[in-house]
Amino acid sequence: MKPIDFRSDTVTKPTPAMRRLIADAEVGDDVYGEDPTVRRLEERVAERLGLEAAVFVPSGTQANQIAIGAHCRTGDEVLTEEGSHILHYEGGAVPALWGVQPAALPGERGLLTPQTVTAAVREDNIHNPRTRLLSLENTHNRGGGTVWPVERFRAVVEAGRKAGLAVHLDGARLFNAEVAAGQPASAWASLTDSTAVCFSKGLGAPVGSALAGRADVIREARRLRKRLGGGMRQAGLLAAAALYALDHHVERLAEDHANARRLAQGLAQVPGVTVDLSRVETNMVFADLARPAAEATALLLKQGILTNATGPHSIRLVCHLDVSAADIDDALARIRAAFAS
């Protein structure tokens, strides 16, 4: 039985064509600024996001963290939505690395309002941390793969600007937002001081993210990347995969979105499974279960279906490059069999 892996879009394997480009990549020592493939990727990303410069890094977590380190100083505060990646999935790095205090703001499926941001900014008082940075996420993972409407994003950014805040965007899945909304990634990124994008999720590269932003922010980010051990040498091998992904795997994200919609519609018909179809905007499906999630994931695993629990009675299924439309039909049949008892 072929396993069907819905745990995340990080589980994809490089395609044969991507592997060939990796093998043929022109390389140099990137810490010395001498890897031409890395330089080409950084220029492409900055141009595509409408920002001044970019730096290639090993992971999305490092991209977010060097952005926070570049924008903030010890004792500062970063505002972010309560379900954000920097709060839940980065190992407590915000206070551990930078001595920065995160403030978790209530959101709607991961999205904030201008009023929430304005109200959260601290008064200039010796008792308070300085509110320095607003960090947003698009698409929003724990929100359900939610896409920020551009005008709402703009209004929230403007609220932050009026309060004197820098703005960072965790755009790990920003190209999913681009495809779903029919807007270029720059529609969001160009409004920020820094934006992180990931190549090893929906775009299917094996490793790598990039942080783009104002030139001064990226200069500092390079220093912090080195400090955190992210200075890579012949990194063009990895950058080549990212370039291939940008050229060949962005538009095809629409297939993942269509597969997620089809999967959600099928799951909604399974007894004991509830799916809010209005939440399925991109490649993620969140399902609420009548049975415990731990029991459900074990039953699904016996049928070759890999999923992650997101709560005591909920699971997440993520569609990606290595899950085909035929796999969706096969998966639904196995899920029905798993939950038949």
C-alpha atoms as a PDB file:
ATOM      1  CA  MET A   1       0.000   0.000   0.000  1.00  0.00           C
ATOM      2  CA  LYS A   2       1.458   3.334  -1.061  1.00  0.00           C
ATOM      3  CA  PRO A   3       1.706   5.760   1.876  1.00  0.00           C
ATOM      4  CA  ILE A   4      -0.070   9.084   1.357  1.00  0.00           C
ATOM      5  CA  ASP A   5       1.600  11.709   3.506  1.00  0.00           C
ATOM      6  CA  PHE A   6      -0.609  14.628   4.533  1.00  0.00           C
ATOM      7  CA  ARG A   7       1.485  15.670   7.544  1.00  0.00           C
ATOM      8  CA  SER A   8       2.924  18.761   5.874  1.00  0.00           C
ATOM      9  CA  ASP A   9       4.067  20.232   2.582  1.00  0.00           C
ATOM     10  CA  THR A  10       7.611  19.972   3.992  1.00  0.00           C
ATOM     11  CA  VAL A  11       7.717  16.230   3.186  1.00  0.00           C
ATOM     12  CA  THR A  12       8.078  16.644  -0.598  1.00  0.00           C
ATOM     13  CA  LYS A  13      11.020  15.120  -2.462  1.00  0.00           C
ATOM     14  CA  PRO A  14      13.033  16.963  -5.141  1.00  0.00           C
ATOM     15  CA  THR A  15      11.841  16.134  -8.647  1.00  0.00           C
ATOM     16  CA  PRO A  16      14.260  14.540 -11.152  1.00  0.00           C
ATOM     17  CA  ALA A  17      14.512  17.835 -13.069  1.00  0.00           C
ATOM     18  CA  MET A  18      15.301  19.710  -9.854  1.00  0.00           C
ATOM     19  CA  ARG A  19      17.988  17.152  -8.991  1.00  0.00           C
ATOM     20  CA  ARG A  20      19.631  17.678 -12.382  1.00  0.00           C
ATOM     21  CA  LEU A  21      19.759  21.439 -11.836  1.00  0.00           C
ATOM     22  CA  ILE A  22      21.257  20.885  -8.370  1.00  0.00           C
ATOM     23  CA  ALA A  23      23.953  18.656  -9.855  1.00  0.00           C
ATOM     24  CA  ASP A  24      24.848  21.223 -12.520  1.00  0.00           C
ATOM     25  CA  ALA A  25      24.781  24.317 -10.282  1.00  0.00           C
ATOM     26  CA  GLU A  26      27.640  26.796 -10.490  1.00  0.00           C
ATOM     27  CA  VAL A  27      28.933  27.357  -6.965  1.00  0.00           C
ATOM     28  CA  GLY A  28      31.383  29.381  -4.884  1.00  0.00           C
ATOM     29  CA  ASP A  29      31.889  30.301  -1.229  1.00  0.00           C
ATOM     30  CA  ASP A  30      28.755  32.144  -0.212  1.00  0.00           C
ATOM     31  CA  VAL A  31      30.176  33.459   3.077  1.00  0.00           C
ATOM     32  CA  TYR A  32      32.641  35.372   0.905  1.00  0.00           C
ATOM     33  CA  GLY A  33      29.768  36.417  -1.337  1.00  0.00           C
ATOM     34  CA  GLU A  34      31.177  34.335  -4.197  1.00  0.00           C
ATOM     35  CA  ASP A  35      28.398  31.863  -5.002  1.00  0.00           C
ATOM     36  CA  PRO A  36      26.805  33.052  -8.265  1.00  0.00           C
ATOM     37  CA  THR A  37      23.740  30.827  -7.957  1.00  0.00           C
ATOM     38  CA  VAL A  38      22.967  32.131  -4.468  1.00  0.00           C
ATOM     39  CA  ARG A  39      23.440  35.720  -5.668  1.00  0.00           C
ATOM     40  CA  ARG A  40      21.071  35.089  -8.563  1.00  0.00           C
ATOM     41  CA  LEU A  41      18.444  33.628  -6.241  1.00  0.00           C
ATOM     42  CA  GLU A  42      18.690  36.540  -3.816  1.00  0.00           C
ATOM     43  CA  GLU A  43      18.289  39.055  -6.637  1.00  0.00           C
ATOM     44  CA  ARG A  44      15.290  37.159  -8.016  1.00  0.00           C
ATOM     45  CA  VAL A  45      13.575  37.003  -4.631  1.00  0.00           C
ATOM     46  CA  ALA A  46      14.120  40.678  -3.848  1.00  0.00           C
ATOM     47  CA  GLU A  47      12.769  41.696  -7.254  1.00  0.00           C
ATOM     48  CA  ARG A  48       9.780  39.365  -7.016  1.00  0.00           C
ATOM     49  CA  LEU A  49       8.841  40.640  -3.563  1.00  0.00           C
ATOM     50  CA  GLY A  50       9.334  44.313  -4.430  1.00  0.00           C
ATOM     51  CA  LEU A  51      12.046  44.800  -1.805  1.00  0.00           C
ATOM     52  CA  GLU A  52      15.620  46.063  -1.973  1.00  0.00           C
ATOM     53  CA  ALA A  53      17.709  43.014  -1.102  1.00  0.00           C
ATOM     54  CA  ALA A  54      17.544  39.424   0.097  1.00  0.00           C
ATOM     55  CA  VAL A  55      19.633  36.824   1.911  1.00  0.00           C
ATOM     56  CA  PHE A  56      19.440  33.040   1.488  1.00  0.00           C
ATOM     57  CA  VAL A  57      19.133  31.073   4.751  1.00  0.00           C
ATOM     58  CA  PRO A  58      18.724  27.404   5.716  1.00  0.00           C
ATOM     59  CA  SER A  59      15.203  27.604   7.160  1.00  0.00           C
ATOM     60  CA  GLY A  60      12.079  29.667   7.622  1.00  0.00           C
ATOM     61  CA  THR A  61      12.658  29.773  11.355  1.00  0.00           C
ATOM     62  CA  GLN A  62      16.078  31.305  10.849  1.00  0.00           C
ATOM     63  CA  ALA A  63      14.629  33.813   8.373  1.00  0.00           C
ATOM     64  CA  ASN A  64      12.041  34.938  10.915  1.00  0.00           C
ATOM     65  CA  GLN A  65      14.526  35.050  13.762  1.00  0.00           C
ATOM     66  CA  ILE A  66      17.204  37.082  12.010  1.00  0.00           C
ATOM     67  CA  ALA A  67      14.466  39.505  10.984  1.00  0.00           C
ATOM     68  CA  ILE A  68      13.379  39.903  14.610  1.00  0.00           C
ATOM     69  CA  GLY A  69      17.013  40.317  15.658  1.00  0.00           C
ATOM     70  CA  ALA A  70      17.583  42.935  12.975  1.00  0.00           C
ATOM     71  CA  HIS A  71      14.520  44.978  13.912  1.00  0.00           C
ATOM     72  CA  CYS A  72      14.570  44.703  17.727  1.00  0.00           C
ATOM     73  CA  ARG A  73      16.869  45.187  20.691  1.00  0.00           C
ATOM     74  CA  THR A  74      16.906  43.503  24.091  1.00  0.00           C
ATOM     75  CA  GLY A  75      13.833  44.505  26.099  1.00  0.00           C
ATOM     76  CA  ASP A  76      11.745  45.369  23.039  1.00  0.00           C
ATOM     77  CA  GLU A  77       8.382  43.820  22.222  1.00  0.00           C
ATOM     78  CA  VAL A  78       7.052  42.189  19.057  1.00  0.00           C
ATOM     79  CA  LEU A  79       3.303  42.093  18.377  1.00  0.00           C
ATOM     80  CA  THR A  80       2.007  38.980  16.626  1.00  0.00           C
ATOM     81  CA  GLU A  81      -1.224  37.027  16.272  1.00  0.00           C
ATOM     82  CA  GLU A  82      -1.735  34.442  19.021  1.00  0.00           C
ATOM     83  CA  GLY A  83      -1.474  31.453  16.655  1.00  0.00           C
ATOM     84  CA  SER A  84       1.607  32.620  14.786  1.00  0.00           C
ATOM     85  CA  HIS A  85       4.533  30.397  13.823  1.00  0.00           C
ATOM     86  CA  ILE A  86       7.057  32.514  15.751  1.00  0.00           C
ATOM     87  CA  LEU A  87       5.105  31.788  18.962  1.00  0.00           C
ATOM     88  CA  HIS A  88       4.317  28.099  18.503  1.00  0.00           C
ATOM     89  CA  TYR A  89       6.945  26.486  16.287  1.00  0.00           C
ATOM     90  CA  GLU A  90      10.294  28.223  16.774  1.00  0.00           C
ATOM     91  CA  GLY A  91      11.454  26.778  20.073  1.00  0.00           C
ATOM     92  CA  GLY A  92      10.976  29.898  22.176  1.00  0.00           C
ATOM     93  CA  ALA A  93      13.589  31.650  20.034  1.00  0.00           C
ATOM     94  CA  VAL A  94      12.186  35.184  20.323  1.00  0.00           C
ATOM     95  CA  PRO A  95      13.079  35.634  24.008  1.00  0.00           C
ATOM     96  CA  ALA A  96      15.893  33.057  24.038  1.00  0.00           C
ATOM     97  CA  LEU A  97      17.920  34.609  21.210  1.00  0.00           C
ATOM     98  CA  TRP A  98      17.079  38.297  21.403  1.00  0.00           C
ATOM     99  CA  GLY A  99      15.636  39.049  24.834  1.00  0.00           C
ATOM    100  CA  VAL A 100      12.528  40.290  23.025  1.00  0.00           C
ATOM    101  CA  GLN A 101       9.080  39.947  24.565  1.00  0.00           C
ATOM    102  CA  PRO A 102       6.339  38.579  22.292  1.00  0.00           C
ATOM    103  CA  ALA A 103       2.793  39.865  22.728  1.00  0.00           C
ATOM    104  CA  ALA A 104       0.094  37.490  21.462  1.00  0.00           C
ATOM    105  CA  LEU A 105      -2.876  39.335  19.964  1.00  0.00           C
ATOM    106  CA  PRO A 106      -6.315  37.780  19.376  1.00  0.00           C
ATOM    107  CA  GLY A 107      -7.091  37.284  15.718  1.00  0.00           C
ATOM    108  CA  GLU A 108      -9.715  35.932  13.362  1.00  0.00           C
ATOM    109  CA  ARG A 109      -8.347  32.771  11.709  1.00  0.00           C
ATOM    110  CA  GLY A 110      -4.900  34.288  12.089  1.00  0.00           C
ATOM    111  CA  LEU A 111      -5.784  37.778  10.846  1.00  0.00           C
ATOM    112  CA  LEU A 112      -5.567  40.949  12.928  1.00  0.00           C
ATOM    113  CA  THR A 113      -7.444  44.234  12.713  1.00  0.00           C
ATOM    114  CA  PRO A 114      -5.935  47.744  12.741  1.00  0.00           C
ATOM    115  CA  GLN A 115      -7.794  48.428  15.982  1.00  0.00           C
ATOM    116  CA  THR A 116      -6.226  45.404  17.697  1.00  0.00           C
ATOM    117  CA  VAL A 117      -2.745  46.511  16.668  1.00  0.00           C
ATOM    118  CA  THR A 118      -3.255  50.113  17.733  1.00  0.00           C
ATOM    119  CA  ALA A 119      -4.623  49.090  21.136  1.00  0.00           C
ATOM    120  CA  ALA A 120      -1.686  46.741  21.780  1.00  0.00           C
ATOM    121  CA  VAL A 121       1.084  49.318  21.290  1.00  0.00           C
ATOM    122  CA  ARG A 122       2.613  50.217  24.634  1.00  0.00           C
ATOM    123  CA  GLU A 123       2.626  53.709  26.082  1.00  0.00           C
ATOM    124  CA  ASP A 124       6.089  55.271  26.216  1.00  0.00           C
ATOM    125  CA  ASN A 125       6.710  54.630  29.889  1.00  0.00           C
ATOM    126  CA  ILE A 126       9.752  53.369  31.808  1.00  0.00           C
ATOM    127  CA  HIS A 127       7.682  50.452  33.110  1.00  0.00           C
ATOM    128  CA  ASN A 128       6.884  49.140  29.646  1.00  0.00           C
ATOM    129  CA  PRO A 129       8.875  47.344  26.984  1.00  0.00           C
ATOM    130  CA  ARG A 130       9.217  49.311  23.780  1.00  0.00           C
ATOM    131  CA  THR A 131       6.775  47.971  21.200  1.00  0.00           C
ATOM    132  CA  ARG A 132       9.095  47.785  18.214  1.00  0.00           C
ATOM    133  CA  LEU A 133       7.871  45.253  15.642  1.00  0.00           C
ATOM    134  CA  LEU A 134       4.658  43.911  14.148  1.00  0.00           C
ATOM    135  CA  SER A 135       5.024  40.366  12.768  1.00  0.00           C
ATOM    136  CA  LEU A 136       2.294  39.000  10.471  1.00  0.00           C
ATOM    137  CA  GLU A 137       1.885  35.626   8.717  1.00  0.00           C
ATOM    138  CA  ASN A 138       0.565  34.884   5.206  1.00  0.00           C
ATOM    139  CA  THR A 139      -0.762  32.304   4.623  1.00  0.00           C
ATOM    140  CA  HIS A 140      -1.545  31.721   8.271  1.00  0.00           C
ATOM    141  CA  ASN A 141      -0.838  28.109   9.211  1.00  0.00           C
ATOM    142  CA  ARG A 142      -2.869  27.665  12.404  1.00  0.00           C
ATOM    143  CA  GLY A 143      -5.589  29.856  10.938  1.00  0.00           C
ATOM    144  CA  GLY A 144      -6.145  27.128   8.355  1.00  0.00           C
ATOM    145  CA  GLY A 145      -3.915  28.293   5.514  1.00  0.00           C
ATOM    146  CA  THR A 146      -5.701  31.642   5.595  1.00  0.00           C
ATOM    147  CA  VAL A 147      -4.877  34.281   2.978  1.00  0.00           C
ATOM    148  CA  TRP A 148      -4.719  37.917   4.047  1.00  0.00           C
ATOM    149  CA  PRO A 149      -6.948  40.120   1.838  1.00  0.00           C
ATOM    150  CA  VAL A 150      -4.517  42.722   0.504  1.00  0.00           C
ATOM    151  CA  GLU A 151      -6.520  45.738   1.656  1.00  0.00           C
ATOM    152  CA  ARG A 152      -6.915  44.353   5.167  1.00  0.00           C
ATOM    153  CA  PHE A 153      -3.182  43.632   5.249  1.00  0.00           C
ATOM    154  CA  ARG A 154      -2.462  47.177   4.098  1.00  0.00           C
ATOM    155  CA  ALA A 155      -4.696  48.652   6.799  1.00  0.00           C
ATOM    156  CA  VAL A 156      -3.031  46.589   9.545  1.00  0.00           C
ATOM    157  CA  VAL A 157       0.438  47.552   8.285  1.00  0.00           C
ATOM    158  CA  GLU A 158      -0.576  51.210   8.242  1.00  0.00           C
ATOM    159  CA  ALA A 159      -1.776  50.932  11.838  1.00  0.00           C
ATOM    160  CA  GLY A 160       1.640  49.588  12.780  1.00  0.00           C
ATOM    161  CA  ARG A 161       3.419  52.327  10.844  1.00  0.00           C
ATOM    162  CA  LYS A 162       1.400  55.042  12.568  1.00  0.00           C
ATOM    163  CA  ALA A 163       2.574  53.633  15.890  1.00  0.00           C
ATOM    164  CA  GLY A 164       6.201  53.716  14.721  1.00  0.00           C
ATOM    165  CA  LEU A 165       6.565  49.955  14.312  1.00  0.00           C
ATOM    166  CA  ALA A 166       8.634  48.055  11.808  1.00  0.00           C
ATOM    167  CA  VAL A 167       6.695  45.320   9.976  1.00  0.00           C
ATOM    168  CA  HIS A 168       7.848  41.774   9.254  1.00  0.00           C
ATOM    169  CA  LEU A 169       5.934  39.190   7.225  1.00  0.00           C
ATOM    170  CA  ASP A 170       6.374  35.475   7.782  1.00  0.00           C
ATOM    171  CA  GLY A 171       5.551  34.512   4.221  1.00  0.00           C
ATOM    172  CA  ALA A 172       6.625  30.880   4.431  1.00  0.00           C
ATOM    173  CA  ARG A 173       3.628  30.082   2.207  1.00  0.00           C
ATOM    174  CA  LEU A 174       3.324  33.484   0.552  1.00  0.00           C
ATOM    175  CA  PHE A 175       3.276  31.924  -2.918  1.00  0.00           C
ATOM    176  CA  ASN A 176       0.200  29.930  -1.899  1.00  0.00           C
ATOM    177  CA  ALA A 177      -1.401  33.275  -1.094  1.00  0.00           C
ATOM    178  CA  GLU A 178      -0.250  34.641  -4.461  1.00  0.00           C
ATOM    179  CA  VAL A 179      -1.900  31.801  -6.365  1.00  0.00           C
ATOM    180  CA  ALA A 180      -5.074  31.715  -4.259  1.00  0.00           C
ATOM    181  CA  ALA A 181      -5.678  35.471  -4.367  1.00  0.00           C
ATOM    182  CA  GLY A 182      -4.462  36.085  -7.908  1.00  0.00           C
ATOM    183  CA  GLN A 183      -2.157  38.810  -6.569  1.00  0.00           C
ATOM    184  CA  PRO A 184       1.643  38.974  -6.870  1.00  0.00           C
ATOM    185  CA  ALA A 185       3.592  38.217  -3.716  1.00  0.00           C
ATOM    186  CA  SER A 186       4.830  41.801  -3.822  1.00  0.00           C
ATOM    187  CA  ALA A 187       1.281  43.028  -3.115  1.00  0.00           C
ATOM    188  CA  TRP A 188       1.938  42.059   0.507  1.00  0.00           C
ATOM    189  CA  ALA A 189       5.728  41.945   0.764  1.00  0.00           C
ATOM    190  CA  SER A 190       6.421  45.396  -0.675  1.00  0.00           C
ATOM    191  CA  LEU A 191       4.434  46.942   2.204  1.00  0.00           C
ATOM    192  CA  THR A 192       6.815  45.469   4.793  1.00  0.00           C
ATOM    193  CA  ASP A 193      10.318  46.141   6.080  1.00  0.00           C
ATOM    194  CA  SER A 194      11.141  42.450   5.757  1.00  0.00           C
ATOM    195  CA  THR A 195       9.489  39.326   4.384  1.00  0.00           C
ATOM    196  CA  ALA A 196      10.527  35.686   4.703  1.00  0.00           C
ATOM    197  CA  VAL A 197       9.629  33.111   2.045  1.00  0.00           C
ATOM    198  CA  CYS A 198      10.212  29.356   2.127  1.00  0.00           C
ATOM    199  CA  PHE A 199      11.229  27.114  -0.768  1.00  0.00           C
ATOM    200  CA  SER A 200      11.000  23.772   1.048  1.00  0.00           C
ATOM    201  CA  LYS A 201       7.251  23.735   1.668  1.00  0.00           C
ATOM    202  CA  GLY A 202       4.773  24.001  -1.208  1.00  0.00           C
ATOM    203  CA  LEU A 203       7.503  24.805  -3.723  1.00  0.00           C
ATOM    204  CA  GLY A 204       9.126  21.432  -3.183  1.00  0.00           C
ATOM    205  CA  ALA A 205      12.803  22.347  -2.753  1.00  0.00           C
ATOM    206  CA  PRO A 206      14.735  20.206  -0.255  1.00  0.00           C
ATOM    207  CA  VAL A 207      16.145  23.055   1.848  1.00  0.00           C
ATOM    208  CA  GLY A 208      16.055  26.808   2.130  1.00  0.00           C
ATOM    209  CA  SER A 209      14.289  30.080   2.713  1.00  0.00           C
ATOM    210  CA  ALA A 210      15.067  33.699   1.985  1.00  0.00           C
ATOM    211  CA  LEU A 211      14.639  36.930   3.902  1.00  0.00           C
ATOM    212  CA  ALA A 212      14.054  40.015   1.783  1.00  0.00           C
ATOM    213  CA  GLY A 213      13.745  43.577   2.956  1.00  0.00           C
ATOM    214  CA  ARG A 214      15.233  47.039   3.117  1.00  0.00           C
ATOM    215  CA  ALA A 215      18.931  47.044   2.296  1.00  0.00           C
ATOM    216  CA  ASP A 216      19.936  48.058   5.843  1.00  0.00           C
ATOM    217  CA  VAL A 217      17.826  45.279   7.341  1.00  0.00           C
ATOM    218  CA  ILE A 218      19.422  42.658   5.089  1.00  0.00           C
ATOM    219  CA  ARG A 219      22.937  43.901   5.897  1.00  0.00           C
ATOM    220  CA  GLU A 220      22.233  43.321   9.580  1.00  0.00           C
ATOM    221  CA  ALA A 221      20.498  40.029   8.779  1.00  0.00           C
ATOM    222  CA  ARG A 222      23.687  38.725   7.148  1.00  0.00           C
ATOM    223  CA  ARG A 223      25.606  39.461  10.353  1.00  0.00           C
ATOM    224  CA  LEU A 224      22.974  37.653  12.427  1.00  0.00           C
ATOM    225  CA  ARG A 225      22.828  34.733  10.000  1.00  0.00           C
ATOM    226  CA  LYS A 226      26.563  34.237  10.565  1.00  0.00           C
ATOM    227  CA  ARG A 227      26.112  34.522  14.335  1.00  0.00           C
ATOM    228  CA  LEU A 228      23.478  31.778  14.292  1.00  0.00           C
ATOM    229  CA  GLY A 229      25.606  29.442  12.190  1.00  0.00           C
ATOM    230  CA  GLY A 230      23.649  30.018   9.000  1.00  0.00           C
ATOM    231  CA  GLY A 231      26.589  31.039   6.837  1.00  0.00           C
ATOM    232  CA  MET A 232      26.767  28.343   4.157  1.00  0.00           C
ATOM    233  CA  ARG A 233      29.607  27.731   1.731  1.00  0.00           C
ATOM    234  CA  GLN A 234      28.861  26.188  -1.697  1.00  0.00           C
ATOM    235  CA  ALA A 235      25.172  26.875  -1.110  1.00  0.00           C
ATOM    236  CA  GLY A 236      24.449  27.250  -4.804  1.00  0.00           C
ATOM    237  CA  LEU A 237      23.528  23.555  -4.807  1.00  0.00           C
ATOM    238  CA  LEU A 238      20.572  24.470  -2.594  1.00  0.00           C
ATOM    239  CA  ALA A 239      19.875  27.786  -4.270  1.00  0.00           C
ATOM    240  CA  ALA A 240      19.593  26.017  -7.627  1.00  0.00           C
ATOM    241  CA  ALA A 241      16.718  23.953  -6.249  1.00  0.00           C
ATOM    242  CA  ALA A 242      15.027  27.113  -5.012  1.00  0.00           C
ATOM    243  CA  LEU A 243      15.419  28.776  -8.412  1.00  0.00           C
ATOM    244  CA  TYR A 244      13.903  25.725 -10.085  1.00  0.00           C
ATOM    245  CA  ALA A 245      11.027  25.856  -7.620  1.00  0.00           C
ATOM    246  CA  LEU A 246      10.353  29.522  -8.396  1.00  0.00           C
ATOM    247  CA  ASP A 247      10.358  28.808 -12.123  1.00  0.00           C
ATOM    248  CA  HIS A 248       8.289  25.609 -12.114  1.00  0.00           C
ATOM    249  CA  HIS A 249       6.381  25.084  -8.882  1.00  0.00           C
ATOM    250  CA  VAL A 250       4.525  28.311  -8.117  1.00  0.00           C
ATOM    251  CA  GLU A 251       1.663  28.145 -10.608  1.00  0.00           C
ATOM    252  CA  ARG A 252       1.138  24.444  -9.892  1.00  0.00           C
ATOM    253  CA  LEU A 253       0.200  25.327  -6.288  1.00  0.00           C
ATOM    254  CA  ALA A 254      -3.305  25.745  -7.716  1.00  0.00           C
ATOM    255  CA  GLU A 255      -3.376  21.936  -8.055  1.00  0.00           C
ATOM    256  CA  ASP A 256      -2.689  21.562  -4.331  1.00  0.00           C
ATOM    257  CA  HIS A 257      -5.471  24.017  -3.534  1.00  0.00           C
ATOM    258  CA  ALA A 258      -7.906  22.139  -5.758  1.00  0.00           C
ATOM    259  CA  ASN A 259      -6.884  18.827  -4.184  1.00  0.00           C
ATOM    260  CA  ALA A 260      -7.393  20.264  -0.697  1.00  0.00           C
ATOM    261  CA  ARG A 261     -10.871  21.444  -1.631  1.00  0.00           C
ATOM    262  CA  ARG A 262     -11.724  18.030  -3.053  1.00  0.00           C
ATOM    263  CA  LEU A 263     -10.337  16.304   0.022  1.00  0.00           C
ATOM    264  CA  ALA A 264     -12.317  18.602   2.332  1.00  0.00           C
ATOM    265  CA  GLN A 265     -15.553  17.990   0.466  1.00  0.00           C
ATOM    266  CA  GLY A 266     -15.017  14.241   0.682  1.00  0.00           C
ATOM    267  CA  LEU A 267     -14.083  14.329   4.368  1.00  0.00           C
ATOM    268  CA  ALA A 268     -17.229  16.332   5.152  1.00  0.00           C
ATOM    269  CA  GLN A 269     -19.239  13.303   4.003  1.00  0.00           C
ATOM    270  CA  VAL A 270     -17.475  10.861   6.359  1.00  0.00           C
ATOM    271  CA  PRO A 271     -19.479  10.059   9.512  1.00  0.00           C
ATOM    272  CA  GLY A 272     -17.825  11.474  12.612  1.00  0.00           C
ATOM    273  CA  VAL A 273     -15.810  14.064  10.654  1.00  0.00           C
ATOM    274  CA  THR A 274     -16.662  17.774  10.468  1.00  0.00           C
ATOM    275  CA  VAL A 275     -14.950  20.151   8.045  1.00  0.00           C
ATOM    276  CA  ASP A 276     -15.625  23.880   7.748  1.00  0.00           C
ATOM    277  CA  LEU A 277     -15.311  24.266   3.978  1.00  0.00           C
ATOM    278  CA  SER A 278     -15.103  28.063   4.296  1.00  0.00           C
ATOM    279  CA  ARG A 279     -11.706  27.589   5.964  1.00  0.00           C
ATOM    280  CA  VAL A 280     -10.188  25.723   3.008  1.00  0.00           C
ATOM    281  CA  GLU A 281      -8.523  28.590   1.158  1.00  0.00           C
ATOM    282  CA  THR A 282      -5.233  27.035   0.107  1.00  0.00           C
ATOM    283  CA  ASN A 283      -3.596  23.623   0.607  1.00  0.00           C
ATOM    284  CA  MET A 284      -4.647  22.833   4.182  1.00  0.00           C
ATOM    285  CA  VAL A 285      -7.658  20.966   5.531  1.00  0.00           C
ATOM    286  CA  PHE A 286      -8.510  20.975   9.242  1.00  0.00           C
ATOM    287  CA  ALA A 287     -10.970  18.315  10.367  1.00  0.00           C
ATOM    288  CA  ASP A 288     -12.791  18.028  13.695  1.00  0.00           C
ATOM    289  CA  LEU A 289     -13.421  14.447  14.832  1.00  0.00           C
ATOM    290  CA  ALA A 290     -15.934  12.686  17.022  1.00  0.00           C
ATOM    291  CA  ARG A 291     -13.146  10.387  18.253  1.00  0.00           C
ATOM    292  CA  PRO A 292      -9.822  11.364  19.894  1.00  0.00           C
ATOM    293  CA  ALA A 293      -7.234  12.600  17.408  1.00  0.00           C
ATOM    294  CA  ALA A 294      -4.605  10.171  18.726  1.00  0.00           C
ATOM    295  CA  GLU A 295      -6.928   7.252  18.008  1.00  0.00           C
ATOM    296  CA  ALA A 296      -7.795   8.658  14.582  1.00  0.00           C
ATOM    297  CA  THR A 297      -4.192   9.168  13.489  1.00  0.00           C
ATOM    298  CA  ALA A 298      -3.356   5.604  14.565  1.00  0.00           C
ATOM    299  CA  LEU A 299      -6.288   4.188  12.577  1.00  0.00           C
ATOM    300  CA  LEU A 300      -5.303   6.257   9.543  1.00  0.00           C
ATOM    301  CA  LEU A 301      -1.689   5.132   9.792  1.00  0.00           C
ATOM    302  CA  LYS A 302      -2.830   1.505   9.494  1.00  0.00           C
ATOM    303  CA  GLN A 303      -4.383   2.533   6.169  1.00  0.00           C
ATOM    304  CA  GLY A 304      -1.162   4.240   5.038  1.00  0.00           C
ATOM    305  CA  ILE A 305      -2.484   7.764   5.652  1.00  0.00           C
ATOM    306  CA  LEU A 306      -0.093  10.034   7.571  1.00  0.00           C
ATOM    307  CA  THR A 307      -1.594  13.045   9.370  1.00  0.00           C
ATOM    308  CA  ASN A 308      -0.834  15.298  12.329  1.00  0.00           C
ATOM    309  CA  ALA A 309      -3.129  15.988  15.243  1.00  0.00           C
ATOM    310  CA  THR A 310      -3.770  19.679  15.907  1.00  0.00           C
ATOM    311  CA  GLY A 311      -5.890  19.244  19.015  1.00  0.00           C
ATOM    312  CA  PRO A 312      -7.542  16.583  21.171  1.00  0.00           C
ATOM    313  CA  HIS A 313     -10.191  15.994  18.483  1.00  0.00           C
ATOM    314  CA  SER A 314      -8.742  17.607  15.347  1.00  0.00           C
ATOM    315  CA  ILE A 315      -6.262  16.779  12.604  1.00  0.00           C
ATOM    316  CA  ARG A 316      -4.626  18.685   9.759  1.00  0.00           C
ATOM    317  CA  LEU A 317      -4.139  17.341   6.235  1.00  0.00           C
ATOM    318  CA  VAL A 318      -1.837  19.239   3.872  1.00  0.00           C
ATOM    319  CA  CYS A 319      -1.812  18.759   0.093  1.00  0.00           C
ATOM    320  CA  HIS A 320       1.447  19.193  -1.780  1.00  0.00           C
ATOM    321  CA  LEU A 321       3.593  18.337  -4.776  1.00  0.00           C
ATOM    322  CA  ASP A 322       3.727  14.621  -3.944  1.00  0.00           C
ATOM    323  CA  VAL A 323      -0.041  14.168  -3.505  1.00  0.00           C
ATOM    324  CA  SER A 324      -1.904  13.787  -6.801  1.00  0.00           C
ATOM    325  CA  ALA A 325      -5.599  14.109  -7.611  1.00  0.00           C
ATOM    326  CA  ALA A 326      -5.749  10.303  -7.845  1.00  0.00           C
ATOM    327  CA  ASP A 327      -4.213  10.099  -4.376  1.00  0.00           C
ATOM    328  CA  ILE A 328      -7.103  12.179  -3.022  1.00  0.00           C
ATOM    329  CA  ASP A 329      -9.680   9.633  -4.188  1.00  0.00           C
ATOM    330  CA  ASP A 330      -7.557   6.791  -2.834  1.00  0.00           C
ATOM    331  CA  ALA A 331      -7.076   8.598   0.489  1.00  0.00           C
ATOM    332  CA  LEU A 332     -10.797   9.235   0.921  1.00  0.00           C
ATOM    333  CA  ALA A 333     -11.535   5.545   0.388  1.00  0.00           C
ATOM    334  CA  ARG A 334      -8.926   4.597   3.009  1.00  0.00           C
ATOM    335  CA  ILE A 335     -10.193   7.223   5.452  1.00  0.00           C
ATOM    336  CA  ARG A 336     -13.741   5.894   5.141  1.00  0.00           C
ATOM    337  CA  ALA A 337     -12.406   2.406   5.795  1.00  0.00           C
ATOM    338  CA  ALA A 338     -10.380   3.573   8.803  1.00  0.00           C
ATOM    339  CA  PHE A 339     -13.355   5.296  10.415  1.00  0.00           C
ATOM    340  CA  ALA A 340     -15.932   2.635   9.541  1.00  0.00           C
ATOM    341  CA  SER A 341     -15.755   1.069  13.014  1.00  0.00           C
END
